[in-house]
Amino acid sequence: MKKENRKSIREISPIDVYKLLPRTNCAECGEPNCMAFATKVVNGEEVIESCPPLLESKYEKDLKMLRELLAPPVRAVSIGNGDRRIVVGGKHVLYRHEFTYQNPPPIAIDIPDDMEDELIAARVKKVRDFSYSYIGRTLTLDALAIRSVTQNPDRFMEVISLVTGLCDLPLILCSFNPEIIRAGLSVCSDKKPLIFAITKDNWREMGELVQDHGCPVVVSAPGDLNLLRTLVKTLLEWGIEDMVLDPGTYHSEQIGHTIHQFTAIRKAAVKNFDSLSGYPLLGTPISVWNGQELSDDINR
């Protein structure tokens, strides 16, 4: 795996950041001086864009250098827009306790397009209005994954239009068929949905859709990390950067395999700075519904 000669954010000192700041001590960022701001940036408590002078054109070179210096090994990917926009990834460390916890994993609830409209509306409302107070934090559900079960482009479009008329939650469009995804994007590409998914079988057609619409995309190769890296490399050469990786979510006796693969990818990104592994990961707990264990429980 390719290694890059770079520091982790834990090795960057406030001085490294301070040298590239305007050093005006203007306090527009809310801190008393630039050194205090630099310290908070290194600690993950503040972002460099919070420095108004740094956004001026004369500091463009310094801003670019700071972004390169502070770029996390795991790329941050934005899904959706507006107030409900979510960001995944952006991780600097392997273990959560090592650094300020940012961008907690979002939870998406599925909407299959073979549901009746009334049931879809009821589910959307439950997801939209859900909140739970936990240790001083209000937890919510974050996105809706619209799945093409009917394989009918027109129905897929209808369901997307119905959902977007009821809420502003970020969307995940789920189909391996590029024509289905094309139809879905025709009514919601401005909402920057996450596309699920590019595979070894559809990568060319789906990749062209991603390029045309500028949406983030899931790259899926369950159980094959080498294939996953190959797909990522190909898409990068096309100029596609906003990717989420799906190495496969296994359950029951294979849950250990899932944990091993997720850990291997994150370790390759954070410890070895492998650029082809440096993307957020997607887990699909919905796959449990296809397992024998849950099916047996339901049948009983």
Protein backbone atom coordinates (compact mmCIF):
# COMPACT_ATOMS: atom_id res chain seq x y z
CA MET A 1 0.00 0.00 0.00
CA LYS A 2 1.23 3.47 -0.86
CA LYS A 3 2.50 5.50 2.05
CA GLU A 4 2.74 9.27 2.13
CA ASN A 5 5.26 11.31 4.08
CA ARG A 6 2.95 13.39 6.22
CA LYS A 7 2.19 14.15 9.84
CA SER A 8 -0.88 13.14 11.74
CA ILE A 9 -2.76 16.00 13.36
CA ARG A 10 -1.52 14.79 16.75
CA GLU A 11 2.03 15.59 15.55
CA ILE A 12 1.17 19.07 14.28
CA SER A 13 1.94 21.80 16.79
CA PRO A 14 0.06 25.08 17.20
CA ILE A 15 3.19 26.81 15.91
CA ASP A 16 2.85 24.97 12.57
CA VAL A 17 -0.64 26.44 12.18
CA TYR A 18 0.23 29.86 13.66
CA LYS A 19 2.97 30.45 11.07
CA LEU A 20 0.40 30.23 8.27
CA LEU A 21 -2.25 32.44 9.91
CA PRO A 22 -2.52 36.20 9.17
CA ARG A 23 -1.31 36.78 12.77
CA THR A 24 -3.39 39.94 13.13
CA ASN A 25 -4.68 39.01 16.64
CA CYS A 26 -7.95 40.60 15.56
CA ALA A 27 -10.10 38.27 17.74
CA GLU A 28 -12.72 38.00 14.97
CA CYS A 29 -12.62 34.22 15.43
CA GLY A 30 -13.72 34.61 19.04
CA GLU A 31 -10.30 33.82 20.51
CA PRO A 32 -8.08 36.45 22.20
CA ASN A 33 -5.20 35.95 19.76
CA CYS A 34 -3.98 33.88 16.81
CA MET A 35 -1.97 31.46 18.95
CA ALA A 36 -5.04 30.59 20.99
CA PHE A 37 -6.95 30.01 17.75
CA ALA A 38 -4.13 27.83 16.35
CA THR A 39 -4.19 25.72 19.50
CA LYS A 40 -7.92 25.11 19.18
CA VAL A 41 -7.51 24.18 15.51
CA VAL A 42 -4.87 21.57 16.35
CA ASN A 43 -7.08 20.21 19.15
CA GLY A 44 -9.97 19.82 16.72
CA GLU A 45 -12.08 22.39 18.59
CA GLU A 46 -12.06 24.95 15.78
CA VAL A 47 -11.74 25.00 11.97
CA ILE A 48 -9.48 27.30 9.99
CA GLU A 49 -12.42 28.78 8.08
CA SER A 50 -13.45 30.46 11.35
CA CYS A 51 -10.63 32.97 10.80
CA PRO A 52 -12.24 35.76 8.65
CA PRO A 53 -8.93 37.42 7.54
CA LEU A 54 -7.65 34.03 6.31
CA LEU A 55 -10.49 33.91 3.79
CA GLU A 56 -9.31 37.09 2.08
CA SER A 57 -7.75 36.64 -1.37
CA LYS A 58 -4.29 37.79 -0.27
CA TYR A 59 -4.05 34.78 2.08
CA GLU A 60 -5.22 32.24 -0.52
CA LYS A 61 -1.84 30.48 -0.65
CA ASP A 62 -1.63 30.22 3.15
CA LEU A 63 -5.18 28.87 3.34
CA LYS A 64 -4.36 26.18 0.79
CA MET A 65 -1.23 25.20 2.72
CA LEU A 66 -3.20 25.01 5.97
CA ARG A 67 -5.84 22.80 4.38
CA GLU A 68 -3.14 20.45 3.11
CA LEU A 69 -1.42 20.45 6.51
CA LEU A 70 -4.62 19.68 8.40
CA ALA A 71 -6.25 17.33 5.88
CA PRO A 72 -7.44 14.20 7.72
CA PRO A 73 -6.33 10.74 6.53
CA VAL A 74 -10.03 9.89 6.16
CA ARG A 75 -11.68 12.34 3.78
CA ALA A 76 -14.73 14.27 4.96
CA VAL A 77 -17.69 13.77 2.62
CA SER A 78 -20.79 15.99 2.66
CA ILE A 79 -24.26 14.54 1.96
CA GLY A 80 -27.30 16.71 1.37
CA ASN A 81 -27.55 20.46 1.79
CA GLY A 82 -29.16 23.05 4.00
CA ASP A 83 -29.56 22.76 7.77
CA ARG A 84 -29.88 18.96 7.72
CA ARG A 85 -26.69 18.39 5.72
CA ILE A 86 -24.49 15.66 7.20
CA VAL A 87 -20.73 15.15 7.04
CA VAL A 88 -19.15 11.72 7.30
CA GLY A 89 -15.49 10.86 7.71
CA GLY A 90 -12.92 13.54 8.44
CA LYS A 91 -11.15 11.24 10.88
CA HIS A 92 -7.56 11.72 12.03
CA VAL A 93 -7.13 8.75 14.36
CA LEU A 94 -7.89 5.06 14.60
CA TYR A 95 -9.50 5.09 18.04
CA ARG A 96 -12.19 7.55 19.07
CA HIS A 97 -10.61 8.30 22.48
CA GLU A 98 -7.41 9.57 20.83
CA PHE A 99 -8.89 12.80 19.54
CA THR A 100 -11.91 15.07 19.73
CA TYR A 101 -14.91 13.10 18.44
CA GLN A 102 -16.25 14.78 15.32
CA ASN A 103 -18.78 13.81 12.64
CA PRO A 104 -20.57 11.01 14.52
CA PRO A 105 -21.91 8.25 12.23
CA PRO A 106 -25.31 9.21 10.81
CA ILE A 107 -28.22 6.78 10.79
CA ALA A 108 -30.39 6.40 7.67
CA ILE A 109 -33.77 4.64 7.62
CA ASP A 110 -34.87 2.88 4.45
CA ILE A 111 -37.89 3.69 2.27
CA PRO A 112 -38.56 0.88 -0.26
CA ASP A 113 -40.45 2.13 -3.30
CA ASP A 114 -42.89 -0.77 -3.18
CA MET A 115 -44.53 0.67 -0.06
CA GLU A 116 -47.90 2.38 -0.33
CA ASP A 117 -47.76 6.17 -0.29
CA GLU A 118 -49.60 6.43 3.05
CA LEU A 119 -47.09 4.11 4.71
CA ILE A 120 -44.20 6.02 3.20
CA ALA A 121 -45.60 9.30 4.53
CA ALA A 122 -46.03 7.77 7.99
CA ARG A 123 -42.47 6.46 8.04
CA VAL A 124 -41.03 9.77 6.86
CA LYS A 125 -42.91 11.57 9.62
CA LYS A 126 -41.57 9.21 12.29
CA VAL A 127 -38.01 9.63 11.07
CA ARG A 128 -38.33 13.39 10.65
CA ASP A 129 -39.80 13.95 14.12
CA PHE A 130 -37.74 11.40 16.06
CA SER A 131 -35.57 12.74 18.89
CA TYR A 132 -34.08 11.21 22.00
CA SER A 133 -32.26 12.91 24.86
CA TYR A 134 -29.10 11.08 25.90
CA ILE A 135 -26.55 12.45 28.38
CA GLY A 136 -27.39 16.03 27.57
CA ARG A 137 -27.48 15.51 23.82
CA THR A 138 -30.50 15.35 21.55
CA LEU A 139 -30.15 12.44 19.17
CA THR A 140 -32.03 12.35 15.86
CA LEU A 141 -32.23 10.19 12.75
CA ASP A 142 -30.19 11.67 9.95
CA ALA A 143 -31.16 10.49 6.46
CA LEU A 144 -33.54 8.45 4.33
CA ALA A 145 -32.36 5.67 2.02
CA ILE A 146 -34.80 5.28 -0.87
CA ARG A 147 -34.49 1.77 -2.30
CA SER A 148 -35.62 0.77 -5.78
CA VAL A 149 -37.41 -2.52 -5.09
CA THR A 150 -39.85 -2.28 -8.01
CA GLN A 151 -37.04 -1.53 -10.51
CA ASN A 152 -39.44 0.97 -12.06
CA PRO A 153 -37.79 4.36 -12.79
CA ASP A 154 -41.14 6.19 -12.75
CA ARG A 155 -42.09 4.77 -9.35
CA PHE A 156 -38.63 5.62 -7.99
CA MET A 157 -39.10 9.22 -9.10
CA GLU A 158 -42.58 9.35 -7.56
CA VAL A 159 -41.34 8.16 -4.19
CA ILE A 160 -38.42 10.60 -4.19
CA SER A 161 -40.78 13.48 -5.00
CA LEU A 162 -43.14 12.35 -2.24
CA VAL A 163 -40.33 12.14 0.33
CA THR A 164 -38.73 15.46 -0.57
CA GLY A 165 -42.11 17.11 -0.31
CA LEU A 166 -42.45 15.90 3.28
CA CYS A 167 -38.99 16.59 4.71
CA ASP A 168 -35.56 18.06 4.06
CA LEU A 169 -33.53 15.09 5.30
CA PRO A 170 -30.50 14.06 3.19
CA LEU A 171 -31.19 11.20 0.79
CA ILE A 172 -29.42 8.02 -0.24
CA LEU A 173 -30.55 6.70 -3.63
CA CYS A 174 -30.20 2.91 -3.66
CA SER A 175 -29.94 0.90 -6.86
CA PHE A 176 -27.20 -0.84 -8.83
CA ASN A 177 -29.03 0.06 -12.04
CA PRO A 178 -27.67 3.31 -13.55
CA GLU A 179 -30.98 4.01 -15.30
CA ILE A 180 -32.85 3.90 -12.00
CA ILE A 181 -30.34 6.26 -10.42
CA ARG A 182 -30.49 8.55 -13.47
CA ALA A 183 -34.26 8.80 -13.07
CA GLY A 184 -33.93 9.55 -9.36
CA LEU A 185 -31.33 12.24 -9.91
CA SER A 186 -33.59 13.92 -12.46
CA VAL A 187 -35.82 15.05 -9.57
CA CYS A 188 -33.33 15.54 -6.72
CA SER A 189 -29.75 16.08 -7.91
CA ASP A 190 -29.83 19.60 -6.43
CA LYS A 191 -30.18 18.00 -2.98
CA LYS A 192 -26.78 16.29 -3.37
CA PRO A 193 -27.91 12.76 -2.44
CA LEU A 194 -25.50 9.93 -1.75
CA ILE A 195 -25.63 7.38 -4.58
CA PHE A 196 -25.56 3.68 -3.68
CA ALA A 197 -23.66 2.22 -5.40
CA ILE A 198 -20.79 1.82 -7.84
CA THR A 199 -19.69 -1.81 -8.33
CA LYS A 200 -17.37 -3.73 -10.66
CA ASP A 201 -20.35 -4.31 -12.97
CA ASN A 202 -21.67 -0.75 -13.34
CA TRP A 203 -18.66 1.45 -12.61
CA ARG A 204 -18.45 3.11 -16.00
CA GLU A 205 -22.12 4.12 -16.33
CA MET A 206 -22.53 5.02 -12.66
CA GLY A 207 -19.24 6.91 -12.66
CA GLU A 208 -20.44 9.07 -15.55
CA LEU A 209 -23.60 9.89 -13.58
CA VAL A 210 -21.52 10.93 -10.57
CA GLN A 211 -19.36 13.16 -12.73
CA ASP A 212 -22.37 14.77 -14.39
CA HIS A 213 -24.26 15.49 -11.15
CA GLY A 214 -21.43 16.04 -8.67
CA CYS A 215 -22.97 13.82 -5.99
CA PRO A 216 -21.10 11.68 -3.45
CA VAL A 217 -21.13 7.96 -4.19
CA VAL A 218 -20.73 4.63 -2.39
CA VAL A 219 -18.13 2.28 -3.82
CA SER A 220 -19.21 -1.28 -3.07
CA ALA A 221 -17.16 -4.49 -3.20
CA PRO A 222 -18.41 -6.75 -0.38
CA GLY A 223 -15.74 -9.11 0.89
CA ASP A 224 -13.03 -7.99 -1.55
CA LEU A 225 -10.78 -5.20 -0.27
CA ASN A 226 -8.42 -5.46 -3.26
CA LEU A 227 -11.30 -4.89 -5.66
CA LEU A 228 -12.53 -2.01 -3.50
CA ARG A 229 -9.14 -0.28 -3.75
CA THR A 230 -9.01 -0.89 -7.50
CA LEU A 231 -12.41 0.75 -7.99
CA VAL A 232 -11.38 3.72 -5.83
CA LYS A 233 -8.17 4.16 -7.85
CA THR A 234 -10.10 4.11 -11.13
CA LEU A 235 -12.63 6.67 -9.90
CA LEU A 236 -9.89 8.94 -8.55
CA GLU A 237 -8.25 8.92 -11.98
CA TRP A 238 -11.61 10.12 -13.34
CA GLY A 239 -11.56 12.98 -10.85
CA ILE A 240 -14.23 11.57 -8.54
CA GLU A 241 -13.25 12.31 -4.92
CA ASP A 242 -16.36 12.24 -2.70
CA MET A 243 -16.59 8.51 -2.05
CA VAL A 244 -17.87 6.29 0.77
CA LEU A 245 -16.59 2.72 1.00
CA ASP A 246 -18.79 -0.36 1.40
CA PRO A 247 -16.63 -3.42 2.19
CA GLY A 248 -19.74 -5.45 3.09
CA THR A 249 -21.70 -5.83 6.31
CA TYR A 250 -21.89 -9.42 7.53
CA HIS A 251 -23.84 -10.65 10.53
CA SER A 252 -24.44 -13.66 12.77
CA GLU A 253 -21.33 -15.88 12.75
CA GLN A 254 -19.57 -13.51 10.31
CA ILE A 255 -19.82 -10.35 12.39
CA GLY A 256 -16.13 -10.72 13.23
CA HIS A 257 -15.31 -10.56 9.52
CA THR A 258 -17.16 -7.25 9.26
CA ILE A 259 -15.23 -5.77 12.18
CA HIS A 260 -11.93 -7.05 10.76
CA GLN A 261 -12.52 -5.48 7.35
CA PHE A 262 -13.65 -2.13 8.72
CA THR A 263 -10.66 -2.03 11.07
CA ALA A 264 -8.22 -3.00 8.31
CA ILE A 265 -9.42 -0.18 6.07
CA ARG A 266 -9.30 2.45 8.82
CA LYS A 267 -5.86 1.27 9.97
CA ALA A 268 -4.52 1.42 6.41
CA ALA A 269 -5.73 5.02 6.11
CA VAL A 270 -4.70 6.35 9.53
CA LYS A 271 -1.55 4.36 10.28
CA ASN A 272 -0.16 3.81 6.78
CA PHE A 273 -1.67 6.90 5.10
CA ASP A 274 -2.96 4.72 2.27
CA SER A 275 -4.77 7.21 0.07
CA LEU A 276 -7.00 4.55 -1.49
CA SER A 277 -8.39 3.60 1.93
CA GLY A 278 -8.88 7.14 3.23
CA TYR A 279 -12.65 7.41 2.90
CA PRO A 280 -15.67 7.05 5.22
CA LEU A 281 -17.14 3.58 5.67
CA LEU A 282 -20.74 2.51 5.16
CA GLY A 283 -22.34 -0.17 7.31
CA THR A 284 -25.65 -1.69 6.21
CA PRO A 285 -27.44 -3.22 9.22
CA ILE A 286 -30.41 -3.77 6.90
CA SER A 287 -28.55 -6.81 5.59
CA VAL A 288 -29.51 -8.60 8.82
CA TRP A 289 -33.05 -8.83 7.45
CA ASN A 290 -31.71 -11.29 4.89
CA GLY A 291 -30.16 -13.50 7.57
CA GLN A 292 -31.51 -16.86 8.65
CA GLU A 293 -31.49 -16.01 12.35
CA LEU A 294 -33.96 -13.12 12.07
CA SER A 295 -36.07 -14.99 9.52
CA ASP A 296 -36.44 -17.90 11.93
CA ASP A 297 -37.50 -15.55 14.73
CA ILE A 298 -40.12 -13.93 12.50
CA ASN A 299 -41.46 -17.29 11.35
CA ARG A 300 -41.81 -18.46 14.94
